Amino acid sequence: MTSPLLSALPLFPLGSVLFPGGLLPLRIFEVRYLDMIGKVHKAGTPFGVVRLTQGAEVRVAGASAESFSSIGTLALIRDFEAPQAGLLQIECVGTQRFRVRNSALQKYGLWTAEVEALPDDVALAIPEDLQHTADALRRLVETLEERRKMEADGNMRLPIRAPYQFADCGWVANRWCELLPLPPHLKQQLMELDSPLMRLELVSDLLARTGIAE
């Protein structure tokens, strides 16, 4: 069975990587994205986040042309604010990975693409030898929640939101990939892995090097 295709999906090339289930806050002020985000928010449709491999997030005169990875993640807007004219503040959640089949640069510098959806991670229980990765993540989330409770206004945004899935390989691996200070190209490689177990095994190695999860 072939994966469903989305045609003319608007793309948002960024210097960062969005994982399925991950949160992405954005401040938008470029005309090309103000219009696009306004339209997808009104329609309740996703846009695609892809990692820049060349070029900058904000267009400047004389800059090199943008290029980006062929695998990205669909983003759905969860919070939408327009604090002033020409500025949007949104928070998105990553949903499904996709592969770019064809892309085109539109008027005003907006990229659109025909993409095919990639399979979701298979739900896998965390093996005993990797349980420490989930335990460390649970402790971190509990610490962050306690810190938020102590904040005077209680509005501290957590980088991870419920529902928590500490028993699932892919979910735990993805959250650590977001939290660890890894270079974007390495995060991209981890996001592209089809095996959530392999992703978690590599995350476990990275955690061991940092001493976060012993």
Protein backbone atom coordinates (compact mmCIF):
# COMPACT_ATOMS: atom_id res chain seq x y z
CA MET A 1 0.00 0.00 0.00
CA THR A 2 1.43 3.35 -0.98
CA SER A 3 1.66 6.17 1.55
CA PRO A 4 -0.79 9.03 1.01
CA LEU A 5 0.58 12.05 -0.80
CA LEU A 6 0.12 15.69 0.12
CA SER A 7 0.50 18.14 -2.73
CA ALA A 8 1.44 21.81 -2.36
CA LEU A 9 2.35 21.37 1.31
CA PRO A 10 3.81 24.69 2.54
CA LEU A 11 7.29 24.22 4.00
CA PHE A 12 9.06 26.05 6.81
CA PRO A 13 12.82 25.42 6.52
CA LEU A 14 14.49 25.84 9.92
CA GLY A 15 17.89 25.37 11.45
CA SER A 16 16.35 22.93 13.94
CA VAL A 17 14.69 19.50 13.67
CA LEU A 18 11.09 18.73 14.65
CA PHE A 19 10.32 15.22 15.92
CA PRO A 20 6.89 13.58 15.96
CA GLY A 21 5.30 14.46 19.30
CA GLY A 22 7.68 17.38 19.79
CA LEU A 23 6.82 21.01 20.53
CA LEU A 24 7.98 23.90 18.37
CA PRO A 25 7.48 27.55 19.41
CA LEU A 26 7.92 30.09 16.61
CA ARG A 27 7.94 33.89 16.34
CA ILE A 28 6.95 34.80 12.81
CA PHE A 29 7.49 38.18 11.20
CA GLU A 30 8.47 37.49 7.57
CA VAL A 31 5.69 38.28 5.10
CA ARG A 32 6.05 34.91 3.33
CA TYR A 33 5.35 33.04 6.57
CA LEU A 34 2.80 35.42 8.11
CA ASP A 35 0.45 34.75 5.21
CA MET A 36 1.13 31.01 5.12
CA ILE A 37 0.68 30.49 8.86
CA GLY A 38 -2.49 32.57 8.88
CA LYS A 39 -3.97 30.39 6.14
CA VAL A 40 -3.06 27.00 7.63
CA HIS A 41 -4.28 28.10 11.06
CA LYS A 42 -7.63 29.16 9.64
CA ALA A 43 -7.94 25.91 7.67
CA GLY A 44 -6.66 23.70 10.50
CA THR A 45 -4.14 22.08 8.16
CA PRO A 46 -0.47 21.24 8.75
CA PHE A 47 2.70 22.69 7.30
CA GLY A 48 6.02 20.94 6.89
CA VAL A 49 9.16 21.60 8.94
CA VAL A 50 12.41 20.69 7.18
CA ARG A 51 16.00 21.22 8.32
CA LEU A 52 18.01 23.79 6.40
CA THR A 53 21.20 22.42 4.90
CA GLN A 54 22.09 25.72 3.20
CA GLY A 55 20.86 29.26 3.63
CA ALA A 56 19.36 31.08 6.60
CA GLU A 57 15.97 31.01 8.31
CA VAL A 58 15.46 34.71 7.59
CA ARG A 59 15.99 35.82 4.01
CA VAL A 60 18.57 38.53 3.44
CA ALA A 61 19.67 40.15 0.21
CA GLY A 62 22.53 38.34 -1.49
CA ALA A 63 22.23 35.23 0.68
CA SER A 64 22.82 31.80 -0.82
CA ALA A 65 19.81 29.87 -2.01
CA GLU A 66 18.01 27.72 0.53
CA SER A 67 18.27 23.95 0.45
CA PHE A 68 16.88 21.51 2.97
CA SER A 69 16.68 17.86 3.99
CA SER A 70 14.31 15.62 2.07
CA ILE A 71 12.72 14.20 5.24
CA GLY A 72 10.74 16.46 7.55
CA THR A 73 7.82 16.45 9.98
CA LEU A 74 4.28 17.75 9.68
CA ALA A 75 3.47 20.49 12.22
CA LEU A 76 0.01 21.38 13.54
CA ILE A 77 -0.59 24.71 15.28
CA ARG A 78 -1.78 24.34 18.89
CA ASP A 79 -1.41 27.90 20.19
CA PHE A 80 -1.79 31.00 18.03
CA GLU A 81 -1.28 34.60 19.14
CA ALA A 82 -1.04 37.85 17.18
CA PRO A 83 0.33 40.31 19.78
CA GLN A 84 0.84 43.07 17.22
CA ALA A 85 0.62 43.77 13.50
CA GLY A 86 3.26 41.87 11.56
CA LEU A 87 4.03 39.41 14.37
CA LEU A 88 2.67 35.96 15.16
CA GLN A 89 3.63 33.74 18.09
CA ILE A 90 2.65 30.12 17.69
CA GLU A 91 3.36 26.75 19.23
CA CYS A 92 3.18 23.66 17.03
CA VAL A 93 3.27 19.94 17.67
CA GLY A 94 5.04 17.52 15.35
CA THR A 95 2.83 14.77 13.96
CA GLN A 96 4.04 12.59 11.08
CA ARG A 97 7.30 12.35 9.21
CA PHE A 98 7.28 12.81 5.45
CA ARG A 99 9.59 12.56 2.45
CA VAL A 100 9.74 15.36 -0.12
CA ARG A 101 9.07 14.06 -3.61
CA ASN A 102 9.16 17.41 -5.42
CA SER A 103 9.55 20.98 -4.19
CA ALA A 104 9.06 24.38 -5.80
CA LEU A 105 9.95 27.92 -4.81
CA GLN A 106 6.85 30.08 -5.04
CA LYS A 107 6.37 33.81 -5.32
CA TYR A 108 7.67 35.79 -2.32
CA GLY A 109 10.06 32.98 -1.40
CA LEU A 110 7.67 30.37 0.02
CA TRP A 111 8.53 26.72 -0.59
CA THR A 112 5.84 24.15 -1.31
CA ALA A 113 6.26 20.44 -1.89
CA GLU A 114 4.60 17.22 -2.87
CA VAL A 115 5.34 14.82 -0.03
CA GLU A 116 4.64 11.23 0.92
CA ALA A 117 3.87 10.27 4.51
CA LEU A 118 6.35 7.97 6.25
CA PRO A 119 5.16 5.26 8.65
CA ASP A 120 4.75 6.17 12.31
CA ASP A 121 7.11 4.53 14.78
CA VAL A 122 5.98 1.04 15.77
CA ALA A 123 4.95 0.98 19.43
CA LEU A 124 7.70 -0.88 21.27
CA ALA A 125 8.12 -1.52 24.97
CA ILE A 126 11.45 -0.37 26.35
CA PRO A 127 13.81 -3.30 26.94
CA GLU A 128 15.25 -3.75 30.40
CA ASP A 129 18.78 -2.74 29.39
CA LEU A 130 17.46 0.65 28.18
CA GLN A 131 15.02 1.30 31.03
CA HIS A 132 17.47 3.79 32.56
CA THR A 133 16.80 6.17 29.66
CA ALA A 134 13.09 6.32 30.50
CA ASP A 135 13.76 6.59 34.23
CA ALA A 136 16.10 9.55 33.68
CA LEU A 137 13.55 11.27 31.46
CA ARG A 138 10.81 10.75 34.05
CA ARG A 139 13.02 12.31 36.74
CA LEU A 140 13.75 15.28 34.49
CA VAL A 141 10.07 15.86 33.73
CA GLU A 142 9.19 15.65 37.44
CA THR A 143 11.90 18.21 38.21
CA LEU A 144 10.62 20.56 35.53
CA GLU A 145 7.04 20.21 36.77
CA GLU A 146 8.12 21.04 40.31
CA ARG A 147 10.02 24.06 39.05
CA ARG A 148 6.95 25.27 37.19
CA LYS A 149 4.84 24.99 40.34
CA MET A 150 7.35 27.20 42.15
CA GLU A 151 7.22 29.90 39.48
CA ALA A 152 5.30 32.94 40.67
CA ASP A 153 3.04 33.17 37.63
CA GLY A 154 2.91 29.43 36.90
CA ASN A 155 3.29 30.11 33.19
CA MET A 156 6.63 28.39 32.64
CA ARG A 157 6.44 26.40 29.41
CA LEU A 158 7.72 22.85 29.60
CA PRO A 159 9.64 21.44 26.63
CA ILE A 160 7.62 18.21 27.00
CA ARG A 161 3.88 17.99 27.50
CA ALA A 162 1.53 15.23 28.60
CA PRO A 163 0.40 12.65 27.77
CA TYR A 164 3.73 11.12 28.73
CA GLN A 165 4.68 7.76 27.21
CA PHE A 166 7.62 6.65 29.33
CA ALA A 167 7.09 3.01 28.32
CA ASP A 168 7.46 3.61 24.56
CA CYS A 169 10.82 3.41 22.78
CA GLY A 170 10.10 5.99 20.10
CA TRP A 171 8.55 8.57 22.40
CA VAL A 172 11.39 8.42 24.95
CA ALA A 173 14.03 8.51 22.20
CA ASN A 174 12.42 11.50 20.50
CA ARG A 175 12.15 13.52 23.68
CA TRP A 176 15.82 12.95 24.51
CA CYS A 177 16.80 13.87 20.94
CA GLU A 178 15.05 17.20 21.46
CA LEU A 179 16.55 17.87 24.88
CA LEU A 180 20.17 16.89 24.28
CA PRO A 181 22.51 19.58 22.89
CA LEU A 182 23.21 17.74 19.65
CA PRO A 183 24.17 19.35 16.32
CA PRO A 184 21.18 19.63 13.95
CA HIS A 185 22.64 17.20 11.40
CA LEU A 186 22.85 14.49 14.08
CA LYS A 187 19.30 15.16 15.24
CA GLN A 188 18.22 14.85 11.61
CA GLN A 189 19.94 11.47 11.29
CA LEU A 190 18.24 10.22 14.45
CA MET A 191 14.83 11.49 13.33
CA GLU A 192 15.20 9.71 9.98
CA LEU A 193 15.84 6.28 11.54
CA ASP A 194 12.96 3.91 10.90
CA SER A 195 13.71 1.82 14.00
CA PRO A 196 12.67 3.46 17.29
CA LEU A 197 14.70 0.84 19.15
CA MET A 198 17.87 1.76 17.26
CA ARG A 199 17.16 5.44 17.92
CA LEU A 200 16.85 4.75 21.65
CA GLU A 201 20.02 2.64 21.68
CA LEU A 202 21.96 5.53 20.13
CA VAL A 203 20.38 7.96 22.60
CA SER A 204 21.46 5.66 25.44
CA ASP A 205 25.06 5.84 24.18
CA LEU A 206 24.85 9.65 24.07
CA LEU A 207 23.42 9.80 27.58
CA ALA A 208 26.20 7.55 28.86
CA ARG A 209 28.81 9.92 27.42
CA THR A 210 27.24 12.87 29.22
CA GLY A 211 26.66 10.98 32.46
CA ILE A 212 22.98 11.95 32.48
CA ALA A 213 21.65 8.41 32.70
CA GLU A 214 23.84 5.92 34.46
